[in-house]
Amino acid sequence: MTRSAGPPDDPAELVEIRTTFGSRDAAAACGRRLVAARLAACVQLEGPIVSTYRWRDAIETADEWRCTCKTTAARREACVAAILAGHEYQTPQVTVVPVAATPAYAAWVRESVQEP
């Protein structure tokens, strides 16, 4: 990727979709599936992170791996559906956040998720 200066593109056009998995392998497999299907331009993995949450009326703590998926608003629904279809959790965290980006990066994301 080359660097480009300039104001960010329209924040309504790009989104980051975030989810977590219980293993690095599951997170990496999800990332590969999404990029291969052109549903995400890039999926970044972070972890392990420690999550503390309430589940079935008990406080739980678990190591997880976070996936941050870079895509367009137009591909959001298909990307979320693919995440949910292959997810190991009964109630996975899936959040969608609009983001602003430089014009060059936004163009790369759009190009990367275009259907051939």
PDB file of N, CA and C in Angstrom:
ATOM      1  N   MET A   1       0.832  -1.171   0.000  1.00  0.00           N
ATOM      2  CA  MET A   1       0.000   0.000   0.000  1.00  0.00           C
ATOM      3  C   MET A   1       0.884   1.244   0.000  1.00  0.00           C
ATOM      4  N   THR A   2       0.521   2.236  -0.773  1.00  0.00           N
ATOM      5  CA  THR A   2       1.262   3.481  -0.775  1.00  0.00           C
ATOM      6  C   THR A   2       0.543   4.498   0.092  1.00  0.00           C
ATOM      7  N   ARG A   3       1.299   5.438   0.621  1.00  0.00           N
ATOM      8  CA  ARG A   3       0.710   6.468   1.461  1.00  0.00           C
ATOM      9  C   ARG A   3       0.156   7.583   0.600  1.00  0.00           C
ATOM     10  N   SER A   4      -0.966   8.131   1.046  1.00  0.00           N
ATOM     11  CA  SER A   4      -1.563   9.244   0.335  1.00  0.00           C
ATOM     12  C   SER A   4      -2.103  10.225   1.362  1.00  0.00           C
ATOM     13  N   ALA A   5      -1.772  11.489   1.170  1.00  0.00           N
ATOM     14  CA  ALA A   5      -2.307  12.518   2.052  1.00  0.00           C
ATOM     15  C   ALA A   5      -3.691  12.890   1.563  1.00  0.00           C
ATOM     16  N   GLY A   6      -4.371  13.672   2.347  1.00  0.00           N
ATOM     17  CA  GLY A   6      -5.682  14.141   1.935  1.00  0.00           C
ATOM     18  C   GLY A   6      -6.704  13.883   3.008  1.00  0.00           C
ATOM     19  N   PRO A   7      -7.843  14.513   2.873  1.00  0.00           N
ATOM     20  CA  PRO A   7      -8.881  14.358   3.881  1.00  0.00           C
ATOM     21  C   PRO A   7      -9.499  12.960   3.816  1.00  0.00           C
ATOM     22  N   PRO A   8     -10.051  12.499   4.922  1.00  0.00           N
ATOM     23  CA  PRO A   8     -10.697  11.187   4.924  1.00  0.00           C
ATOM     24  C   PRO A   8     -11.903  11.152   3.992  1.00  0.00           C
ATOM     25  N   ASP A   9     -12.170   9.963   3.448  1.00  0.00           N
ATOM     26  CA  ASP A   9     -13.366   9.745   2.641  1.00  0.00           C
ATOM     27  C   ASP A   9     -14.601   9.717   3.537  1.00  0.00           C
ATOM     28  N   ASP A  10     -15.749   9.691   2.904  1.00  0.00           N
ATOM     29  CA  ASP A  10     -17.042   9.656   3.586  1.00  0.00           C
ATOM     30  C   ASP A  10     -17.081   8.515   4.609  1.00  0.00           C
ATOM     31  N   PRO A  11     -17.287   8.833   5.899  1.00  0.00           N
ATOM     32  CA  PRO A  11     -17.293   7.788   6.919  1.00  0.00           C
ATOM     33  C   PRO A  11     -18.461   6.818   6.791  1.00  0.00           C
ATOM     34  N   ALA A  12     -19.504   7.191   6.068  1.00  0.00           N
ATOM     35  CA  ALA A  12     -20.649   6.294   5.906  1.00  0.00           C
ATOM     36  C   ALA A  12     -20.337   5.150   4.936  1.00  0.00           C
ATOM     37  N   GLU A  13     -19.245   5.275   4.185  1.00  0.00           N
ATOM     38  CA  GLU A  13     -18.943   4.286   3.164  1.00  0.00           C
ATOM     39  C   GLU A  13     -18.165   3.078   3.685  1.00  0.00           C
ATOM     40  N   LEU A  14     -17.273   3.290   4.649  1.00  0.00           N
ATOM     41  CA  LEU A  14     -16.457   2.199   5.178  1.00  0.00           C
ATOM     42  C   LEU A  14     -16.896   1.842   6.585  1.00  0.00           C
ATOM     43  N   VAL A  15     -16.745   0.552   6.929  1.00  0.00           N
ATOM     44  CA  VAL A  15     -17.068   0.089   8.276  1.00  0.00           C
ATOM     45  C   VAL A  15     -15.995  -0.875   8.753  1.00  0.00           C
ATOM     46  N   GLU A  16     -15.861  -0.950  10.069  1.00  0.00           N
ATOM     47  CA  GLU A  16     -15.096  -2.013  10.711  1.00  0.00           C
ATOM     48  C   GLU A  16     -16.094  -2.896  11.434  1.00  0.00           C
ATOM     49  N   ILE A  17     -15.986  -4.178  11.201  1.00  0.00           N
ATOM     50  CA  ILE A  17     -16.831  -5.155  11.879  1.00  0.00           C
ATOM     51  C   ILE A  17     -15.924  -5.897  12.846  1.00  0.00           C
ATOM     52  N   ARG A  18     -16.320  -5.916  14.108  1.00  0.00           N
ATOM     53  CA  ARG A  18     -15.487  -6.527  15.146  1.00  0.00           C
ATOM     54  C   ARG A  18     -16.202  -7.714  15.772  1.00  0.00           C
ATOM     55  N   THR A  19     -15.425  -8.761  15.990  1.00  0.00           N
ATOM     56  CA  THR A  19     -15.936  -9.953  16.651  1.00  0.00           C
ATOM     57  C   THR A  19     -14.795 -10.608  17.410  1.00  0.00           C
ATOM     58  N   THR A  20     -15.115 -11.559  18.253  1.00  0.00           N
ATOM     59  CA  THR A  20     -14.091 -12.288  19.005  1.00  0.00           C
ATOM     60  C   THR A  20     -14.319 -13.789  18.866  1.00  0.00           C
ATOM     61  N   PHE A  21     -13.221 -14.531  19.016  1.00  0.00           N
ATOM     62  CA  PHE A  21     -13.256 -15.988  18.955  1.00  0.00           C
ATOM     63  C   PHE A  21     -12.486 -16.564  20.136  1.00  0.00           C
ATOM     64  N   GLY A  22     -12.768 -17.797  20.477  1.00  0.00           N
ATOM     65  CA  GLY A  22     -12.126 -18.452  21.595  1.00  0.00           C
ATOM     66  C   GLY A  22     -10.756 -19.020  21.295  1.00  0.00           C
ATOM     67  N   SER A  23     -10.354 -19.027  20.033  1.00  0.00           N
ATOM     68  CA  SER A  23      -9.018 -19.531  19.692  1.00  0.00           C
ATOM     69  C   SER A  23      -8.440 -18.729  18.533  1.00  0.00           C
ATOM     70  N   ARG A  24      -7.122 -18.713  18.474  1.00  0.00           N
ATOM     71  CA  ARG A  24      -6.443 -18.016  17.379  1.00  0.00           C
ATOM     72  C   ARG A  24      -6.771 -18.682  16.055  1.00  0.00           C
ATOM     73  N   ASP A  25      -6.822 -20.017  16.040  1.00  0.00           N
ATOM     74  CA  ASP A  25      -7.111 -20.739  14.810  1.00  0.00           C
ATOM     75  C   ASP A  25      -8.484 -20.383  14.257  1.00  0.00           C
ATOM     76  N   ALA A  26      -9.488 -20.295  15.127  1.00  0.00           N
ATOM     77  CA  ALA A  26     -10.849 -19.939  14.678  1.00  0.00           C
ATOM     78  C   ALA A  26     -10.882 -18.516  14.142  1.00  0.00           C
ATOM     79  N   ALA A  27     -10.194 -17.602  14.814  1.00  0.00           N
ATOM     80  CA  ALA A  27     -10.149 -16.210  14.362  1.00  0.00           C
ATOM     81  C   ALA A  27      -9.445 -16.107  13.013  1.00  0.00           C
ATOM     82  N   ALA A  28      -8.320 -16.798  12.860  1.00  0.00           N
ATOM     83  CA  ALA A  28      -7.568 -16.758  11.606  1.00  0.00           C
ATOM     84  C   ALA A  28      -8.372 -17.379  10.468  1.00  0.00           C
ATOM     85  N   ALA A  29      -9.074 -18.466  10.743  1.00  0.00           N
ATOM     86  CA  ALA A  29      -9.899 -19.109   9.716  1.00  0.00           C
ATOM     87  C   ALA A  29     -11.009 -18.172   9.255  1.00  0.00           C
ATOM     88  N   CYS A  30     -11.617 -17.472  10.180  1.00  0.00           N
ATOM     89  CA  CYS A  30     -12.653 -16.501   9.821  1.00  0.00           C
ATOM     90  C   CYS A  30     -12.063 -15.417   8.930  1.00  0.00           C
ATOM     91  N   GLY A  31     -10.924 -14.888   9.313  1.00  0.00           N
ATOM     92  CA  GLY A  31     -10.269 -13.855   8.516  1.00  0.00           C
ATOM     93  C   GLY A  31      -9.979 -14.317   7.105  1.00  0.00           C
ATOM     94  N   ARG A  32      -9.445 -15.510   6.985  1.00  0.00           N
ATOM     95  CA  ARG A  32      -9.136 -16.053   5.653  1.00  0.00           C
ATOM     96  C   ARG A  32     -10.400 -16.207   4.805  1.00  0.00           C
ATOM     97  N   ARG A  33     -11.478 -16.723   5.434  1.00  0.00           N
ATOM     98  CA  ARG A  33     -12.752 -16.896   4.706  1.00  0.00           C
ATOM     99  C   ARG A  33     -13.284 -15.558   4.195  1.00  0.00           C
ATOM    100  N   LEU A  34     -13.266 -14.549   5.058  1.00  0.00           N
ATOM    101  CA  LEU A  34     -13.830 -13.253   4.681  1.00  0.00           C
ATOM    102  C   LEU A  34     -13.029 -12.590   3.570  1.00  0.00           C
ATOM    103  N   VAL A  35     -11.712 -12.652   3.648  1.00  0.00           N
ATOM    104  CA  VAL A  35     -10.876 -12.035   2.615  1.00  0.00           C
ATOM    105  C   VAL A  35     -10.998 -12.824   1.305  1.00  0.00           C
ATOM    106  N   ALA A  36     -10.985 -14.138   1.375  1.00  0.00           N
ATOM    107  CA  ALA A  36     -11.107 -14.967   0.170  1.00  0.00           C
ATOM    108  C   ALA A  36     -12.435 -14.730  -0.543  1.00  0.00           C
ATOM    109  N   ALA A  37     -13.495 -14.489   0.226  1.00  0.00           N
ATOM    110  CA  ALA A  37     -14.821 -14.254  -0.351  1.00  0.00           C
ATOM    111  C   ALA A  37     -15.041 -12.798  -0.750  1.00  0.00           C
ATOM    112  N   ARG A  38     -14.007 -11.964  -0.589  1.00  0.00           N
ATOM    113  CA  ARG A  38     -14.086 -10.530  -0.898  1.00  0.00           C
ATOM    114  C   ARG A  38     -15.140  -9.807  -0.053  1.00  0.00           C
ATOM    115  N   LEU A  39     -15.364 -10.313   1.155  1.00  0.00           N
ATOM    116  CA  LEU A  39     -16.276  -9.655   2.080  1.00  0.00           C
ATOM    117  C   LEU A  39     -15.540  -8.660   2.960  1.00  0.00           C
ATOM    118  N   ALA A  40     -14.236  -8.824   3.076  1.00  0.00           N
ATOM    119  CA  ALA A  40     -13.387  -7.899   3.835  1.00  0.00           C
ATOM    120  C   ALA A  40     -12.090  -7.710   3.062  1.00  0.00           C
ATOM    121  N   ALA A  41     -11.588  -6.484   3.087  1.00  0.00           N
ATOM    122  CA  ALA A  41     -10.308  -6.191   2.446  1.00  0.00           C
ATOM    123  C   ALA A  41      -9.162  -6.688   3.303  1.00  0.00           C
ATOM    124  N   CYS A  42      -9.365  -6.647   4.614  1.00  0.00           N
ATOM    125  CA  CYS A  42      -8.329  -6.998   5.579  1.00  0.00           C
ATOM    126  C   CYS A  42      -9.020  -7.414   6.870  1.00  0.00           C
ATOM    127  N   VAL A  43      -8.476  -8.403   7.532  1.00  0.00           N
ATOM    128  CA  VAL A  43      -8.946  -8.787   8.857  1.00  0.00           C
ATOM    129  C   VAL A  43      -7.732  -8.841   9.772  1.00  0.00           C
ATOM    130  N   GLN A  44      -7.742  -8.012  10.792  1.00  0.00           N
ATOM    131  CA  GLN A  44      -6.635  -7.982  11.744  1.00  0.00           C
ATOM    132  C   GLN A  44      -7.008  -8.800  12.974  1.00  0.00           C
ATOM    133  N   LEU A  45      -6.055  -9.593  13.457  1.00  0.00           N
ATOM    134  CA  LEU A  45      -6.243 -10.399  14.665  1.00  0.00           C
ATOM    135  C   LEU A  45      -5.437  -9.799  15.795  1.00  0.00           C
ATOM    136  N   GLU A  46      -6.042  -9.724  16.957  1.00  0.00           N
ATOM    137  CA  GLU A  46      -5.354  -9.288  18.172  1.00  0.00           C
ATOM    138  C   GLU A  46      -5.642 -10.308  19.257  1.00  0.00           C
ATOM    139  N   GLY A  47      -4.617 -10.597  20.043  1.00  0.00           N
ATOM    140  CA  GLY A  47      -4.884 -11.479  21.153  1.00  0.00           C
ATOM    141  C   GLY A  47      -3.647 -12.211  21.608  1.00  0.00           C
ATOM    142  N   PRO A  48      -3.788 -12.925  22.664  1.00  0.00           N
ATOM    143  CA  PRO A  48      -5.075 -13.038  23.355  1.00  0.00           C
ATOM    144  C   PRO A  48      -5.417 -11.771  24.139  1.00  0.00           C
ATOM    145  N   ILE A  49      -6.707 -11.512  24.213  1.00  0.00           N
ATOM    146  CA  ILE A  49      -7.242 -10.471  25.082  1.00  0.00           C
ATOM    147  C   ILE A  49      -8.025 -11.190  26.168  1.00  0.00           C
ATOM    148  N   VAL A  50      -8.227 -10.563  27.280  1.00  0.00           N
ATOM    149  CA  VAL A  50      -8.992 -11.169  28.369  1.00  0.00           C
ATOM    150  C   VAL A  50     -10.346 -10.486  28.432  1.00  0.00           C
ATOM    151  N   SER A  51     -11.396 -11.272  28.306  1.00  0.00           N
ATOM    152  CA  SER A  51     -12.764 -10.760  28.375  1.00  0.00           C
ATOM    153  C   SER A  51     -13.426 -11.256  29.649  1.00  0.00           C
ATOM    154  N   THR A  52     -14.100 -10.346  30.328  1.00  0.00           N
ATOM    155  CA  THR A  52     -14.898 -10.690  31.498  1.00  0.00           C
ATOM    156  C   THR A  52     -16.334 -10.300  31.179  1.00  0.00           C
ATOM    157  N   TYR A  53     -17.258 -11.227  31.386  1.00  0.00           N
ATOM    158  CA  TYR A  53     -18.635 -11.007  30.961  1.00  0.00           C
ATOM    159  C   TYR A  53     -19.589 -11.857  31.802  1.00  0.00           C
ATOM    160  N   ARG A  54     -20.861 -11.502  31.723  1.00  0.00           N
ATOM    161  CA  ARG A  54     -21.895 -12.290  32.407  1.00  0.00           C
ATOM    162  C   ARG A  54     -22.510 -13.234  31.381  1.00  0.00           C
ATOM    163  N   TRP A  55     -22.572 -14.510  31.722  1.00  0.00           N
ATOM    164  CA  TRP A  55     -23.179 -15.514  30.852  1.00  0.00           C
ATOM    165  C   TRP A  55     -23.933 -16.508  31.710  1.00  0.00           C
ATOM    166  N   ARG A  56     -25.210 -16.641  31.432  1.00  0.00           N
ATOM    167  CA  ARG A  56     -26.082 -17.553  32.171  1.00  0.00           C
ATOM    168  C   ARG A  56     -25.992 -17.302  33.668  1.00  0.00           C
ATOM    169  N   ASP A  57     -26.060 -16.033  34.004  1.00  0.00           N
ATOM    170  CA  ASP A  57     -26.103 -15.539  35.382  1.00  0.00           C
ATOM    171  C   ASP A  57     -24.828 -15.823  36.185  1.00  0.00           C
ATOM    172  N   ALA A  58     -23.715 -16.013  35.497  1.00  0.00           N
ATOM    173  CA  ALA A  58     -22.423 -16.190  36.157  1.00  0.00           C
ATOM    174  C   ALA A  58     -21.419 -15.247  35.518  1.00  0.00           C
ATOM    175  N   ILE A  59     -20.442 -14.815  36.311  1.00  0.00           N
ATOM    176  CA  ILE A  59     -19.360 -13.990  35.786  1.00  0.00           C
ATOM    177  C   ILE A  59     -18.294 -14.929  35.239  1.00  0.00           C
ATOM    178  N   GLU A  60     -17.954 -14.754  33.963  1.00  0.00           N
ATOM    179  CA  GLU A  60     -16.976 -15.593  33.283  1.00  0.00           C
ATOM    180  C   GLU A  60     -15.785 -14.741  32.854  1.00  0.00           C
ATOM    181  N   THR A  61     -14.639 -15.370  32.727  1.00  0.00           N
ATOM    182  CA  THR A  61     -13.443 -14.730  32.182  1.00  0.00           C
ATOM    183  C   THR A  61     -12.828 -15.713  31.193  1.00  0.00           C
ATOM    184  N   ALA A  62     -12.445 -15.193  30.021  1.00  0.00           N
ATOM    185  CA  ALA A  62     -11.893 -16.073  28.988  1.00  0.00           C
ATOM    186  C   ALA A  62     -10.875 -15.318  28.143  1.00  0.00           C
ATOM    187  N   ASP A  63      -9.879 -16.057  27.650  1.00  0.00           N
ATOM    188  CA  ASP A  63      -8.976 -15.518  26.642  1.00  0.00           C
ATOM    189  C   ASP A  63      -9.699 -15.581  25.302  1.00  0.00           C
ATOM    190  N   GLU A  64      -9.603 -14.501  24.540  1.00  0.00           N
ATOM    191  CA  GLU A  64     -10.227 -14.449  23.231  1.00  0.00           C
ATOM    192  C   GLU A  64      -9.291 -13.773  22.240  1.00  0.00           C
ATOM    193  N   TRP A  65      -9.606 -13.913  20.962  1.00  0.00           N
ATOM    194  CA  TRP A  65      -8.888 -13.254  19.889  1.00  0.00           C
ATOM    195  C   TRP A  65      -9.886 -12.375  19.148  1.00  0.00           C
ATOM    196  N   ARG A  66      -9.521 -11.106  18.991  1.00  0.00           N
ATOM    197  CA  ARG A  66     -10.400 -10.131  18.346  1.00  0.00           C
ATOM    198  C   ARG A  66     -10.081 -10.040  16.860  1.00  0.00           C
ATOM    199  N   CYS A  67     -11.115 -10.055  16.042  1.00  0.00           N
ATOM    200  CA  CYS A  67     -11.002  -9.825  14.602  1.00  0.00           C
ATOM    201  C   CYS A  67     -11.588  -8.454  14.303  1.00  0.00           C
ATOM    202  N   THR A  68     -10.843  -7.637  13.590  1.00  0.00           N
ATOM    203  CA  THR A  68     -11.345  -6.362  13.095  1.00  0.00           C
ATOM    204  C   THR A  68     -11.337  -6.458  11.575  1.00  0.00           C
ATOM    205  N   CYS A  69     -12.523  -6.451  11.002  1.00  0.00           N
ATOM    206  CA  CYS A  69     -12.705  -6.655   9.569  1.00  0.00           C
ATOM    207  C   CYS A  69     -12.944  -5.314   8.893  1.00  0.00           C
ATOM    208  N   LYS A  70     -12.163  -5.000   7.863  1.00  0.00           N
ATOM    209  CA  LYS A  70     -12.286  -3.739   7.129  1.00  0.00           C
ATOM    210  C   LYS A  70     -13.080  -4.006   5.858  1.00  0.00           C
ATOM    211  N   THR A  71     -14.217  -3.311   5.705  1.00  0.00           N
ATOM    212  CA  THR A  71     -15.054  -3.521   4.539  1.00  0.00           C
ATOM    213  C   THR A  71     -15.862  -2.268   4.232  1.00  0.00           C
ATOM    214  N   THR A  72     -16.748  -2.378   3.254  1.00  0.00           N
ATOM    215  CA  THR A  72     -17.609  -1.260   2.886  1.00  0.00           C
ATOM    216  C   THR A  72     -18.993  -1.452   3.497  1.00  0.00           C
ATOM    217  N   ALA A  73     -19.720  -0.361   3.605  1.00  0.00           N
ATOM    218  CA  ALA A  73     -21.088  -0.442   4.104  1.00  0.00           C
ATOM    219  C   ALA A  73     -21.932  -1.347   3.202  1.00  0.00           C
ATOM    220  N   ALA A  74     -21.649  -1.344   1.914  1.00  0.00           N
ATOM    221  CA  ALA A  74     -22.404  -2.176   0.974  1.00  0.00           C
ATOM    222  C   ALA A  74     -22.187  -3.670   1.214  1.00  0.00           C
ATOM    223  N   ARG A  75     -21.032  -4.058   1.737  1.00  0.00           N
ATOM    224  CA  ARG A  75     -20.725  -5.480   1.984  1.00  0.00           C
ATOM    225  C   ARG A  75     -20.971  -5.887   3.434  1.00  0.00           C
ATOM    226  N   ARG A  76     -21.422  -4.927   4.256  1.00  0.00           N
ATOM    227  CA  ARG A  76     -21.611  -5.157   5.695  1.00  0.00           C
ATOM    228  C   ARG A  76     -22.516  -6.357   5.976  1.00  0.00           C
ATOM    229  N   GLU A  77     -23.705  -6.385   5.417  1.00  0.00           N
ATOM    230  CA  GLU A  77     -24.652  -7.458   5.744  1.00  0.00           C
ATOM    231  C   GLU A  77     -24.116  -8.829   5.366  1.00  0.00           C
ATOM    232  N   ALA A  78     -23.507  -8.940   4.201  1.00  0.00           N
ATOM    233  CA  ALA A  78     -22.954 -10.224   3.774  1.00  0.00           C
ATOM    234  C   ALA A  78     -21.786 -10.640   4.665  1.00  0.00           C
ATOM    235  N   CYS A  79     -20.978  -9.678   5.071  1.00  0.00           N
ATOM    236  CA  CYS A  79     -19.840  -9.968   5.944  1.00  0.00           C
ATOM    237  C   CYS A  79     -20.323 -10.448   7.316  1.00  0.00           C
ATOM    238  N   VAL A  80     -21.289  -9.754   7.887  1.00  0.00           N
ATOM    239  CA  VAL A  80     -21.848 -10.160   9.188  1.00  0.00           C
ATOM    240  C   VAL A  80     -22.471 -11.549   9.083  1.00  0.00           C
ATOM    241  N   ALA A  81     -23.224 -11.803   8.013  1.00  0.00           N
ATOM    242  CA  ALA A  81     -23.847 -13.119   7.836  1.00  0.00           C
ATOM    243  C   ALA A  81     -22.794 -14.222   7.772  1.00  0.00           C
ATOM    244  N   ALA A  82     -21.683 -13.971   7.084  1.00  0.00           N
ATOM    245  CA  ALA A  82     -20.613 -14.971   6.983  1.00  0.00           C
ATOM    246  C   ALA A  82     -19.949 -15.203   8.330  1.00  0.00           C
ATOM    247  N   ILE A  83     -19.772 -14.145   9.101  1.00  0.00           N
ATOM    248  CA  ILE A  83     -19.195 -14.295  10.450  1.00  0.00           C
ATOM    249  C   ILE A  83     -20.114 -15.163  11.299  1.00  0.00           C
ATOM    250  N   LEU A  84     -21.390 -14.842  11.307  1.00  0.00           N
ATOM    251  CA  LEU A  84     -22.344 -15.581  12.142  1.00  0.00           C
ATOM    252  C   LEU A  84     -22.485 -17.036  11.701  1.00  0.00           C
ATOM    253  N   ALA A  85     -22.449 -17.291  10.404  1.00  0.00           N
ATOM    254  CA  ALA A  85     -22.613 -18.651   9.889  1.00  0.00           C
ATOM    255  C   ALA A  85     -21.491 -19.574  10.341  1.00  0.00           C
ATOM    256  N   GLY A  86     -20.293 -19.033  10.505  1.00  0.00           N
ATOM    257  CA  GLY A  86     -19.157 -19.882  10.869  1.00  0.00           C
ATOM    258  C   GLY A  86     -18.676 -19.682  12.291  1.00  0.00           C
ATOM    259  N   HIS A  87     -19.489 -19.043  13.131  1.00  0.00           N
ATOM    260  CA  HIS A  87     -19.016 -18.701  14.474  1.00  0.00           C
ATOM    261  C   HIS A  87     -19.264 -19.819  15.470  1.00  0.00           C
ATOM    262  N   GLU A  88     -18.332 -19.996  16.396  1.00  0.00           N
ATOM    263  CA  GLU A  88     -18.404 -21.055  17.398  1.00  0.00           C
ATOM    264  C   GLU A  88     -19.256 -20.683  18.607  1.00  0.00           C
ATOM    265  N   TYR A  89     -19.501 -19.393  18.825  1.00  0.00           N
ATOM    266  CA  TYR A  89     -20.239 -18.952  20.007  1.00  0.00           C
ATOM    267  C   TYR A  89     -21.744 -18.960  19.752  1.00  0.00           C
ATOM    268  N   GLN A  90     -22.504 -19.212  20.794  1.00  0.00           N
ATOM    269  CA  GLN A  90     -23.964 -19.160  20.701  1.00  0.00           C
ATOM    270  C   GLN A  90     -24.438 -17.731  20.466  1.00  0.00           C
ATOM    271  N   THR A  91     -23.835 -16.765  21.154  1.00  0.00           N
ATOM    272  CA  THR A  91     -24.191 -15.354  21.012  1.00  0.00           C
ATOM    273  C   THR A  91     -22.906 -14.553  20.810  1.00  0.00           C
ATOM    274  N   PRO A  92     -22.367 -14.564  19.598  1.00  0.00           N
ATOM    275  CA  PRO A  92     -21.102 -13.856  19.376  1.00  0.00           C
ATOM    276  C   PRO A  92     -21.269 -12.343  19.390  1.00  0.00           C
ATOM    277  N   GLN A  93     -20.231 -11.683  19.823  1.00  0.00           N
ATOM    278  CA  GLN A  93     -20.167 -10.231  19.701  1.00  0.00           C
ATOM    279  C   GLN A  93     -19.895  -9.917  18.238  1.00  0.00           C
ATOM    280  N   VAL A  94     -20.761  -9.132  17.643  1.00  0.00           N
ATOM    281  CA  VAL A  94     -20.521  -8.615  16.296  1.00  0.00           C
ATOM    282  C   VAL A  94     -20.963  -7.160  16.325  1.00  0.00           C
ATOM    283  N   THR A  95     -20.007  -6.251  16.194  1.00  0.00           N
ATOM    284  CA  THR A  95     -20.319  -4.828  16.182  1.00  0.00           C
ATOM    285  C   THR A  95     -19.868  -4.235  14.867  1.00  0.00           C
ATOM    286  N   VAL A  96     -20.591  -3.213  14.421  1.00  0.00           N
ATOM    287  CA  VAL A  96     -20.280  -2.537  13.160  1.00  0.00           C
ATOM    288  C   VAL A  96     -20.093  -1.063  13.468  1.00  0.00           C
ATOM    289  N   VAL A  97     -18.919  -0.538  13.077  1.00  0.00           N
ATOM    290  CA  VAL A  97     -18.577   0.843  13.381  1.00  0.00           C
ATOM    291  C   VAL A  97     -18.209   1.557  12.076  1.00  0.00           C
ATOM    292  N   PRO A  98     -18.911   2.658  11.738  1.00  0.00           N
ATOM    293  CA  PRO A  98     -18.506   3.431  10.566  1.00  0.00           C
ATOM    294  C   PRO A  98     -17.152   4.074  10.817  1.00  0.00           C
ATOM    295  N   VAL A  99     -16.318   4.114   9.785  1.00  0.00           N
ATOM    296  CA  VAL A  99     -14.990   4.720   9.922  1.00  0.00           C
ATOM    297  C   VAL A  99     -14.705   5.649   8.751  1.00  0.00           C
ATOM    298  N   ALA A 100     -13.902   6.660   9.025  1.00  0.00           N
ATOM    299  CA  ALA A 100     -13.389   7.543   7.982  1.00  0.00           C
ATOM    300  C   ALA A 100     -11.979   7.070   7.646  1.00  0.00           C
ATOM    301  N   ALA A 101     -11.584   7.238   6.396  1.00  0.00           N
ATOM    302  CA  ALA A 101     -10.257   6.802   5.970  1.00  0.00           C
ATOM    303  C   ALA A 101      -9.734   7.756   4.910  1.00  0.00           C
ATOM    304  N   THR A 102      -8.435   7.692   4.701  1.00  0.00           N
ATOM    305  CA  THR A 102      -7.858   8.498   3.628  1.00  0.00           C
ATOM    306  C   THR A 102      -8.420   8.000   2.297  1.00  0.00           C
ATOM    307  N   PRO A 103      -8.469   8.860   1.296  1.00  0.00           N
ATOM    308  CA  PRO A 103      -9.015   8.438   0.000  1.00  0.00           C
ATOM    309  C   PRO A 103      -8.319   7.211  -0.588  1.00  0.00           C
ATOM    310  N   ALA A 104      -7.009   7.137  -0.477  1.00  0.00           N
ATOM    311  CA  ALA A 104      -6.282   6.003  -1.054  1.00  0.00           C
ATOM    312  C   ALA A 104      -6.634   4.699  -0.345  1.00  0.00           C
ATOM    313  N   TYR A 105      -6.717   4.725   0.984  1.00  0.00           N
ATOM    314  CA  TYR A 105      -7.060   3.514   1.723  1.00  0.00           C
ATOM    315  C   TYR A 105      -8.495   3.096   1.424  1.00  0.00           C
ATOM    316  N   ALA A 106      -9.408   4.067   1.394  1.00  0.00           N
ATOM    317  CA  ALA A 106     -10.812   3.772   1.101  1.00  0.00           C
ATOM    318  C   ALA A 106     -10.946   3.145  -0.287  1.00  0.00           C
ATOM    319  N   ALA A 107     -10.188   3.662  -1.246  1.00  0.00           N
ATOM    320  CA  ALA A 107     -10.224   3.110  -2.606  1.00  0.00           C
ATOM    321  C   ALA A 107      -9.718   1.671  -2.611  1.00  0.00           C
ATOM    322  N   TRP A 108      -8.665   1.391  -1.841  1.00  0.00           N
ATOM    323  CA  TRP A 108      -8.125   0.027  -1.750  1.00  0.00           C
ATOM    324  C   TRP A 108      -9.158  -0.912  -1.142  1.00  0.00           C
ATOM    325  N   VAL A 109      -9.844  -0.472  -0.087  1.00  0.00           N
ATOM    326  CA  VAL A 109     -10.882  -1.317   0.536  1.00  0.00           C
ATOM    327  C   VAL A 109     -11.975  -1.597  -0.491  1.00  0.00           C
ATOM    328  N   ARG A 110     -12.478  -0.560  -1.150  1.00  0.00           N
ATOM    329  CA  ARG A 110     -13.540  -0.740  -2.149  1.00  0.00           C
ATOM    330  C   ARG A 110     -13.114  -1.718  -3.237  1.00  0.00           C
ATOM    331  N   GLU A 111     -11.904  -1.541  -3.752  1.00  0.00           N
ATOM    332  CA  GLU A 111     -11.391  -2.419  -4.809  1.00  0.00           C
ATOM    333  C   GLU A 111     -11.263  -3.864  -4.322  1.00  0.00           C
ATOM    334  N   SER A 112     -10.830  -4.027  -3.091  1.00  0.00           N
ATOM    335  CA  SER A 112     -10.583  -5.364  -2.542  1.00  0.00           C
ATOM    336  C   SER A 112     -11.855  -6.165  -2.303  1.00  0.00           C
ATOM    337  N   VAL A 113     -12.969  -5.485  -2.085  1.00  0.00           N
ATOM    338  CA  VAL A 113     -14.208  -6.212  -1.797  1.00  0.00           C
ATOM    339  C   VAL A 113     -15.188  -6.223  -2.964  1.00  0.00           C
ATOM    340  N   GLN A 114     -14.781  -5.651  -4.095  1.00  0.00           N
ATOM    341  CA  GLN A 114     -15.653  -5.692  -5.282  1.00  0.00           C
ATOM    342  C   GLN A 114     -15.793  -7.124  -5.754  1.00  0.00           C
ATOM    343  N   GLU A 115     -17.010  -7.469  -6.123  1.00  0.00           N
ATOM    344  CA  GLU A 115     -17.206  -8.802  -6.694  1.00  0.00           C
ATOM    345  C   GLU A 115     -16.630  -8.822  -8.095  1.00  0.00           C
ATOM    346  N   PRO A 116     -15.900  -9.895  -8.431  1.00  0.00           N
ATOM    347  CA  PRO A 116     -15.266  -9.962  -9.762  1.00  0.00           C
ATOM    348  C   PRO A 116     -16.289 -10.061 -10.881  1.00  0.00           C
TER     349      PRO A 116
END
